[in-house]
Amino acid sequence: MKNFHAPHVPLRLPRSKKLLAHINRTFGTLAFCRRWLERPDGGSTAVNGNDGKAQQEKYMGALKNLCDVGIVQAYPPLVDVKGCYTAQYEHTCILRPTCKEIVSRG
């Protein structure tokens, strides 16, 4: 996930600059996984289209550089009990017997 409060850091690697521009354009400050960077649409068909030009190649060094300087923050994958479902949402939901309430919207 991109760190919203990260200070401006001059990037010397061209691949890091290119990857950061892609992350800003496609994900903003939303969490993303490395697997999405390898997709032909680069993680979002709506933003990048589906022509295969947004697919990131040889990005691991650039991503490590962005993590090392504090622009991107690494998170471990979500893990749960085997056979159970795990989901990640942008909002906090309470599932009640009669309704679903989203409490993070305000």
N, C-alpha and C. Protein backbone atom coordinates (compact mmCIF):
# COMPACT_ATOMS: atom_id res chain seq x y z
N MET A 1 0.84 -1.15 0.00
CA MET A 1 0.00 0.00 0.00
C MET A 1 0.90 1.23 0.00
N LYS A 2 0.53 2.22 -0.77
CA LYS A 2 1.32 3.45 -0.81
C LYS A 2 1.10 4.23 0.48
N ASN A 3 2.17 4.70 1.05
CA ASN A 3 2.11 5.48 2.28
C ASN A 3 1.70 6.90 1.92
N PHE A 4 0.50 7.31 2.35
CA PHE A 4 -0.03 8.63 2.02
C PHE A 4 0.81 9.75 2.64
N HIS A 5 1.38 9.51 3.79
CA HIS A 5 2.14 10.54 4.50
C HIS A 5 3.64 10.47 4.25
N ALA A 6 4.06 9.75 3.24
CA ALA A 6 5.48 9.64 2.95
C ALA A 6 6.00 10.98 2.42
N PRO A 7 7.15 11.43 2.89
CA PRO A 7 7.72 12.68 2.36
C PRO A 7 8.24 12.47 0.94
N HIS A 8 8.49 13.56 0.25
CA HIS A 8 9.05 13.46 -1.11
C HIS A 8 10.46 12.91 -1.02
N VAL A 9 10.70 11.84 -1.73
CA VAL A 9 12.01 11.20 -1.76
C VAL A 9 12.46 11.14 -3.22
N PRO A 10 13.62 11.70 -3.55
CA PRO A 10 14.08 11.59 -4.94
C PRO A 10 14.45 10.15 -5.28
N LEU A 11 13.86 9.64 -6.32
CA LEU A 11 14.13 8.26 -6.76
C LEU A 11 15.15 8.30 -7.88
N ARG A 12 16.19 7.49 -7.76
CA ARG A 12 17.25 7.48 -8.76
C ARG A 12 17.06 6.40 -9.81
N LEU A 13 16.32 5.36 -9.47
CA LEU A 13 16.11 4.26 -10.41
C LEU A 13 14.94 4.57 -11.34
N PRO A 14 15.14 4.54 -12.65
CA PRO A 14 14.03 4.80 -13.57
C PRO A 14 12.88 3.81 -13.42
N ARG A 15 13.20 2.56 -13.12
CA ARG A 15 12.13 1.56 -12.93
C ARG A 15 11.29 1.88 -11.70
N SER A 16 11.90 2.43 -10.66
CA SER A 16 11.16 2.82 -9.47
C SER A 16 10.21 3.97 -9.79
N LYS A 17 10.67 4.93 -10.57
CA LYS A 17 9.82 6.05 -10.96
C LYS A 17 8.64 5.58 -11.80
N LYS A 18 8.90 4.65 -12.72
CA LYS A 18 7.84 4.12 -13.58
C LYS A 18 6.83 3.33 -12.76
N LEU A 19 7.32 2.50 -11.83
CA LEU A 19 6.42 1.71 -11.00
C LEU A 19 5.60 2.61 -10.07
N LEU A 20 6.20 3.63 -9.50
CA LEU A 20 5.47 4.55 -8.63
C LEU A 20 4.39 5.28 -9.42
N ALA A 21 4.68 5.70 -10.63
CA ALA A 21 3.66 6.35 -11.46
C ALA A 21 2.50 5.39 -11.74
N HIS A 22 2.82 4.12 -12.01
CA HIS A 22 1.78 3.12 -12.25
C HIS A 22 0.94 2.90 -10.99
N ILE A 23 1.58 2.81 -9.83
CA ILE A 23 0.85 2.62 -8.57
C ILE A 23 -0.04 3.81 -8.28
N ASN A 24 0.46 5.03 -8.49
CA ASN A 24 -0.35 6.23 -8.26
C ASN A 24 -1.56 6.25 -9.18
N ARG A 25 -1.35 5.93 -10.45
CA ARG A 25 -2.43 5.98 -11.44
C ARG A 25 -3.46 4.87 -11.20
N THR A 26 -3.00 3.68 -10.86
CA THR A 26 -3.89 2.52 -10.80
C THR A 26 -4.51 2.31 -9.42
N PHE A 27 -3.72 2.42 -8.36
CA PHE A 27 -4.21 2.07 -7.03
C PHE A 27 -4.34 3.25 -6.08
N GLY A 28 -3.60 4.31 -6.28
CA GLY A 28 -3.60 5.41 -5.32
C GLY A 28 -3.06 4.92 -4.00
N THR A 29 -3.83 5.12 -2.92
CA THR A 29 -3.39 4.66 -1.61
C THR A 29 -4.09 3.37 -1.18
N LEU A 30 -4.83 2.73 -2.10
CA LEU A 30 -5.47 1.45 -1.77
C LEU A 30 -4.43 0.33 -1.74
N ALA A 31 -4.71 -0.66 -0.94
CA ALA A 31 -3.82 -1.82 -0.85
C ALA A 31 -3.87 -2.61 -2.16
N PHE A 32 -2.75 -3.18 -2.54
CA PHE A 32 -2.67 -4.00 -3.75
C PHE A 32 -1.70 -5.13 -3.48
N CYS A 33 -1.73 -6.14 -4.35
CA CYS A 33 -0.80 -7.26 -4.19
C CYS A 33 0.09 -7.34 -5.44
N ARG A 34 1.23 -7.97 -5.27
CA ARG A 34 2.19 -8.08 -6.38
C ARG A 34 1.59 -8.80 -7.57
N ARG A 35 0.72 -9.75 -7.31
CA ARG A 35 0.09 -10.52 -8.38
C ARG A 35 -0.65 -9.61 -9.37
N TRP A 36 -1.25 -8.54 -8.86
CA TRP A 36 -2.01 -7.63 -9.73
C TRP A 36 -1.09 -6.87 -10.69
N LEU A 37 0.14 -6.62 -10.28
CA LEU A 37 1.07 -5.92 -11.16
C LEU A 37 1.43 -6.74 -12.39
N GLU A 38 1.34 -8.06 -12.27
CA GLU A 38 1.70 -8.96 -13.36
C GLU A 38 0.56 -9.20 -14.34
N ARG A 39 -0.65 -8.77 -14.00
CA ARG A 39 -1.79 -8.98 -14.89
C ARG A 39 -1.62 -8.13 -16.14
N PRO A 40 -2.19 -8.54 -17.27
CA PRO A 40 -2.07 -7.75 -18.51
C PRO A 40 -2.63 -6.34 -18.38
N ASP A 41 -3.65 -6.15 -17.53
CA ASP A 41 -4.22 -4.82 -17.35
C ASP A 41 -3.53 -4.04 -16.23
N GLY A 42 -2.50 -4.60 -15.63
CA GLY A 42 -1.74 -3.90 -14.60
C GLY A 42 -2.47 -3.72 -13.30
N GLY A 43 -3.58 -4.41 -13.11
CA GLY A 43 -4.32 -4.32 -11.86
C GLY A 43 -5.67 -3.68 -11.98
N SER A 44 -5.97 -3.01 -13.10
CA SER A 44 -7.27 -2.37 -13.25
C SER A 44 -7.59 -2.20 -14.74
N THR A 45 -8.61 -2.92 -15.19
CA THR A 45 -9.05 -2.78 -16.58
C THR A 45 -9.67 -1.41 -16.80
N ALA A 46 -10.36 -0.88 -15.79
CA ALA A 46 -11.02 0.42 -15.93
C ALA A 46 -10.01 1.55 -16.14
N VAL A 47 -8.87 1.48 -15.47
CA VAL A 47 -7.87 2.54 -15.56
C VAL A 47 -6.94 2.34 -16.75
N ASN A 48 -6.46 1.11 -16.93
CA ASN A 48 -5.40 0.85 -17.91
C ASN A 48 -5.86 0.18 -19.19
N GLY A 49 -7.10 -0.25 -19.26
CA GLY A 49 -7.55 -1.00 -20.42
C GLY A 49 -7.06 -2.43 -20.33
N ASN A 50 -7.28 -3.19 -21.40
CA ASN A 50 -6.90 -4.61 -21.36
C ASN A 50 -6.00 -4.96 -22.54
N ASP A 51 -5.15 -4.03 -22.95
CA ASP A 51 -4.30 -4.25 -24.11
C ASP A 51 -2.95 -4.87 -23.78
N GLY A 52 -2.65 -5.07 -22.51
CA GLY A 52 -1.39 -5.70 -22.11
C GLY A 52 -0.23 -4.74 -21.93
N LYS A 53 -0.43 -3.46 -22.18
CA LYS A 53 0.66 -2.49 -22.06
C LYS A 53 0.93 -2.08 -20.62
N ALA A 54 -0.02 -2.30 -19.73
CA ALA A 54 0.15 -1.88 -18.34
C ALA A 54 0.82 -2.95 -17.48
N GLN A 55 1.05 -4.13 -18.04
CA GLN A 55 1.68 -5.21 -17.28
C GLN A 55 3.09 -4.80 -16.90
N GLN A 56 3.42 -4.96 -15.62
CA GLN A 56 4.73 -4.60 -15.12
C GLN A 56 5.67 -5.80 -15.24
N GLU A 57 6.85 -5.56 -15.76
CA GLU A 57 7.85 -6.61 -15.87
C GLU A 57 9.12 -6.18 -15.14
N LYS A 58 9.78 -7.12 -14.52
CA LYS A 58 11.02 -6.86 -13.78
C LYS A 58 10.83 -5.72 -12.77
N TYR A 59 9.79 -5.85 -11.97
CA TYR A 59 9.43 -4.79 -11.04
C TYR A 59 9.88 -5.07 -9.61
N MET A 60 10.39 -6.25 -9.30
CA MET A 60 10.71 -6.61 -7.92
C MET A 60 11.77 -5.69 -7.30
N GLY A 61 12.81 -5.36 -8.04
CA GLY A 61 13.83 -4.45 -7.52
C GLY A 61 13.27 -3.06 -7.28
N ALA A 62 12.43 -2.60 -8.19
CA ALA A 62 11.81 -1.28 -8.04
C ALA A 62 10.87 -1.27 -6.84
N LEU A 63 10.10 -2.33 -6.67
CA LEU A 63 9.17 -2.41 -5.54
C LEU A 63 9.94 -2.47 -4.21
N LYS A 64 11.04 -3.21 -4.18
CA LYS A 64 11.87 -3.25 -2.97
C LYS A 64 12.45 -1.87 -2.66
N ASN A 65 12.87 -1.16 -3.70
CA ASN A 65 13.40 0.19 -3.51
C ASN A 65 12.33 1.11 -2.94
N LEU A 66 11.10 1.04 -3.46
CA LEU A 66 10.01 1.87 -2.95
C LEU A 66 9.67 1.52 -1.50
N CYS A 67 9.77 0.26 -1.14
CA CYS A 67 9.54 -0.14 0.25
C CYS A 67 10.68 0.34 1.16
N ASP A 68 11.91 0.24 0.68
CA ASP A 68 13.07 0.65 1.48
C ASP A 68 13.07 2.14 1.79
N VAL A 69 12.63 2.98 0.85
CA VAL A 69 12.62 4.42 1.09
C VAL A 69 11.35 4.89 1.79
N GLY A 70 10.38 3.98 2.00
CA GLY A 70 9.19 4.31 2.78
C GLY A 70 8.02 4.83 1.98
N ILE A 71 8.07 4.77 0.67
CA ILE A 71 6.95 5.25 -0.15
C ILE A 71 5.83 4.20 -0.18
N VAL A 72 6.21 2.94 -0.27
CA VAL A 72 5.25 1.84 -0.26
C VAL A 72 5.47 1.04 1.01
N GLN A 73 4.38 0.69 1.68
CA GLN A 73 4.47 -0.06 2.92
C GLN A 73 4.03 -1.50 2.66
N ALA A 74 4.86 -2.44 3.04
CA ALA A 74 4.57 -3.86 2.82
C ALA A 74 3.67 -4.39 3.94
N TYR A 75 2.71 -5.23 3.56
CA TYR A 75 1.83 -5.90 4.50
C TYR A 75 1.86 -7.39 4.21
N PRO A 76 1.81 -8.22 5.25
CA PRO A 76 1.76 -9.67 4.99
C PRO A 76 0.40 -10.05 4.42
N PRO A 77 0.31 -11.17 3.71
CA PRO A 77 -0.98 -11.60 3.18
C PRO A 77 -1.93 -12.01 4.30
N LEU A 78 -3.23 -11.89 4.03
CA LEU A 78 -4.23 -12.33 5.00
C LEU A 78 -4.25 -13.86 5.04
N VAL A 79 -4.19 -14.41 6.23
CA VAL A 79 -4.20 -15.86 6.39
C VAL A 79 -5.28 -16.21 7.41
N ASP A 80 -6.00 -17.26 7.14
CA ASP A 80 -7.05 -17.68 8.04
C ASP A 80 -6.99 -19.20 8.18
N VAL A 81 -7.92 -19.75 8.88
CA VAL A 81 -7.99 -21.19 9.08
C VAL A 81 -8.25 -21.87 7.74
N LYS A 82 -7.60 -23.00 7.50
CA LYS A 82 -7.75 -23.72 6.25
C LYS A 82 -9.23 -24.10 6.04
N GLY A 83 -9.73 -23.81 4.85
CA GLY A 83 -11.12 -24.11 4.52
C GLY A 83 -12.08 -22.98 4.81
N CYS A 84 -11.61 -21.89 5.41
CA CYS A 84 -12.46 -20.74 5.71
C CYS A 84 -12.23 -19.65 4.67
N TYR A 85 -13.17 -18.76 4.57
CA TYR A 85 -13.07 -17.64 3.64
C TYR A 85 -12.44 -16.43 4.33
N THR A 86 -11.60 -15.72 3.61
CA THR A 86 -10.99 -14.49 4.10
C THR A 86 -11.24 -13.40 3.08
N ALA A 87 -11.64 -12.23 3.55
CA ALA A 87 -11.92 -11.13 2.64
C ALA A 87 -11.37 -9.84 3.22
N GLN A 88 -11.07 -8.91 2.33
CA GLN A 88 -10.57 -7.60 2.74
C GLN A 88 -11.45 -6.55 2.06
N TYR A 89 -11.97 -5.64 2.83
CA TYR A 89 -12.87 -4.61 2.31
C TYR A 89 -12.35 -3.24 2.70
N GLU A 90 -12.87 -2.22 2.04
CA GLU A 90 -12.49 -0.85 2.35
C GLU A 90 -13.32 -0.29 3.50
N HIS A 91 -14.39 -0.98 3.89
CA HIS A 91 -15.26 -0.51 4.96
C HIS A 91 -15.43 -1.60 6.01
N THR A 92 -15.85 -1.18 7.19
CA THR A 92 -16.16 -2.11 8.26
C THR A 92 -17.65 -2.39 8.23
N CYS A 93 -18.01 -3.67 8.12
CA CYS A 93 -19.41 -4.07 8.01
C CYS A 93 -19.79 -4.91 9.23
N ILE A 94 -21.02 -4.71 9.70
CA ILE A 94 -21.60 -5.54 10.74
C ILE A 94 -22.76 -6.29 10.10
N LEU A 95 -22.70 -7.61 10.14
CA LEU A 95 -23.77 -8.43 9.60
C LEU A 95 -24.69 -8.83 10.75
N ARG A 96 -25.92 -8.31 10.70
CA ARG A 96 -26.91 -8.61 11.73
C ARG A 96 -27.97 -9.54 11.14
N PRO A 97 -28.78 -10.15 11.97
CA PRO A 97 -29.79 -11.07 11.44
C PRO A 97 -30.78 -10.40 10.49
N THR A 98 -31.07 -9.11 10.70
CA THR A 98 -32.08 -8.44 9.88
C THR A 98 -31.52 -7.43 8.89
N CYS A 99 -30.24 -7.05 9.05
CA CYS A 99 -29.69 -6.02 8.16
C CYS A 99 -28.17 -6.11 8.10
N LYS A 100 -27.61 -5.38 7.14
CA LYS A 100 -26.16 -5.22 7.04
C LYS A 100 -25.87 -3.75 7.27
N GLU A 101 -24.97 -3.45 8.19
CA GLU A 101 -24.67 -2.06 8.52
C GLU A 101 -23.22 -1.76 8.22
N ILE A 102 -22.95 -0.69 7.46
CA ILE A 102 -21.60 -0.25 7.16
C ILE A 102 -21.27 0.88 8.12
N VAL A 103 -20.37 0.62 9.05
CA VAL A 103 -20.11 1.58 10.14
C VAL A 103 -18.92 2.50 9.83
N SER A 104 -18.12 2.23 8.82
CA SER A 104 -16.96 3.07 8.56
C SER A 104 -17.27 4.26 7.66
N ARG A 105 -18.46 4.35 7.11
CA ARG A 105 -18.81 5.49 6.26
C ARG A 105 -19.19 6.72 7.05
N GLY A 106 -19.56 6.54 8.28
CA GLY A 106 -19.90 7.69 9.10
C GLY A 106 -21.32 7.75 9.51
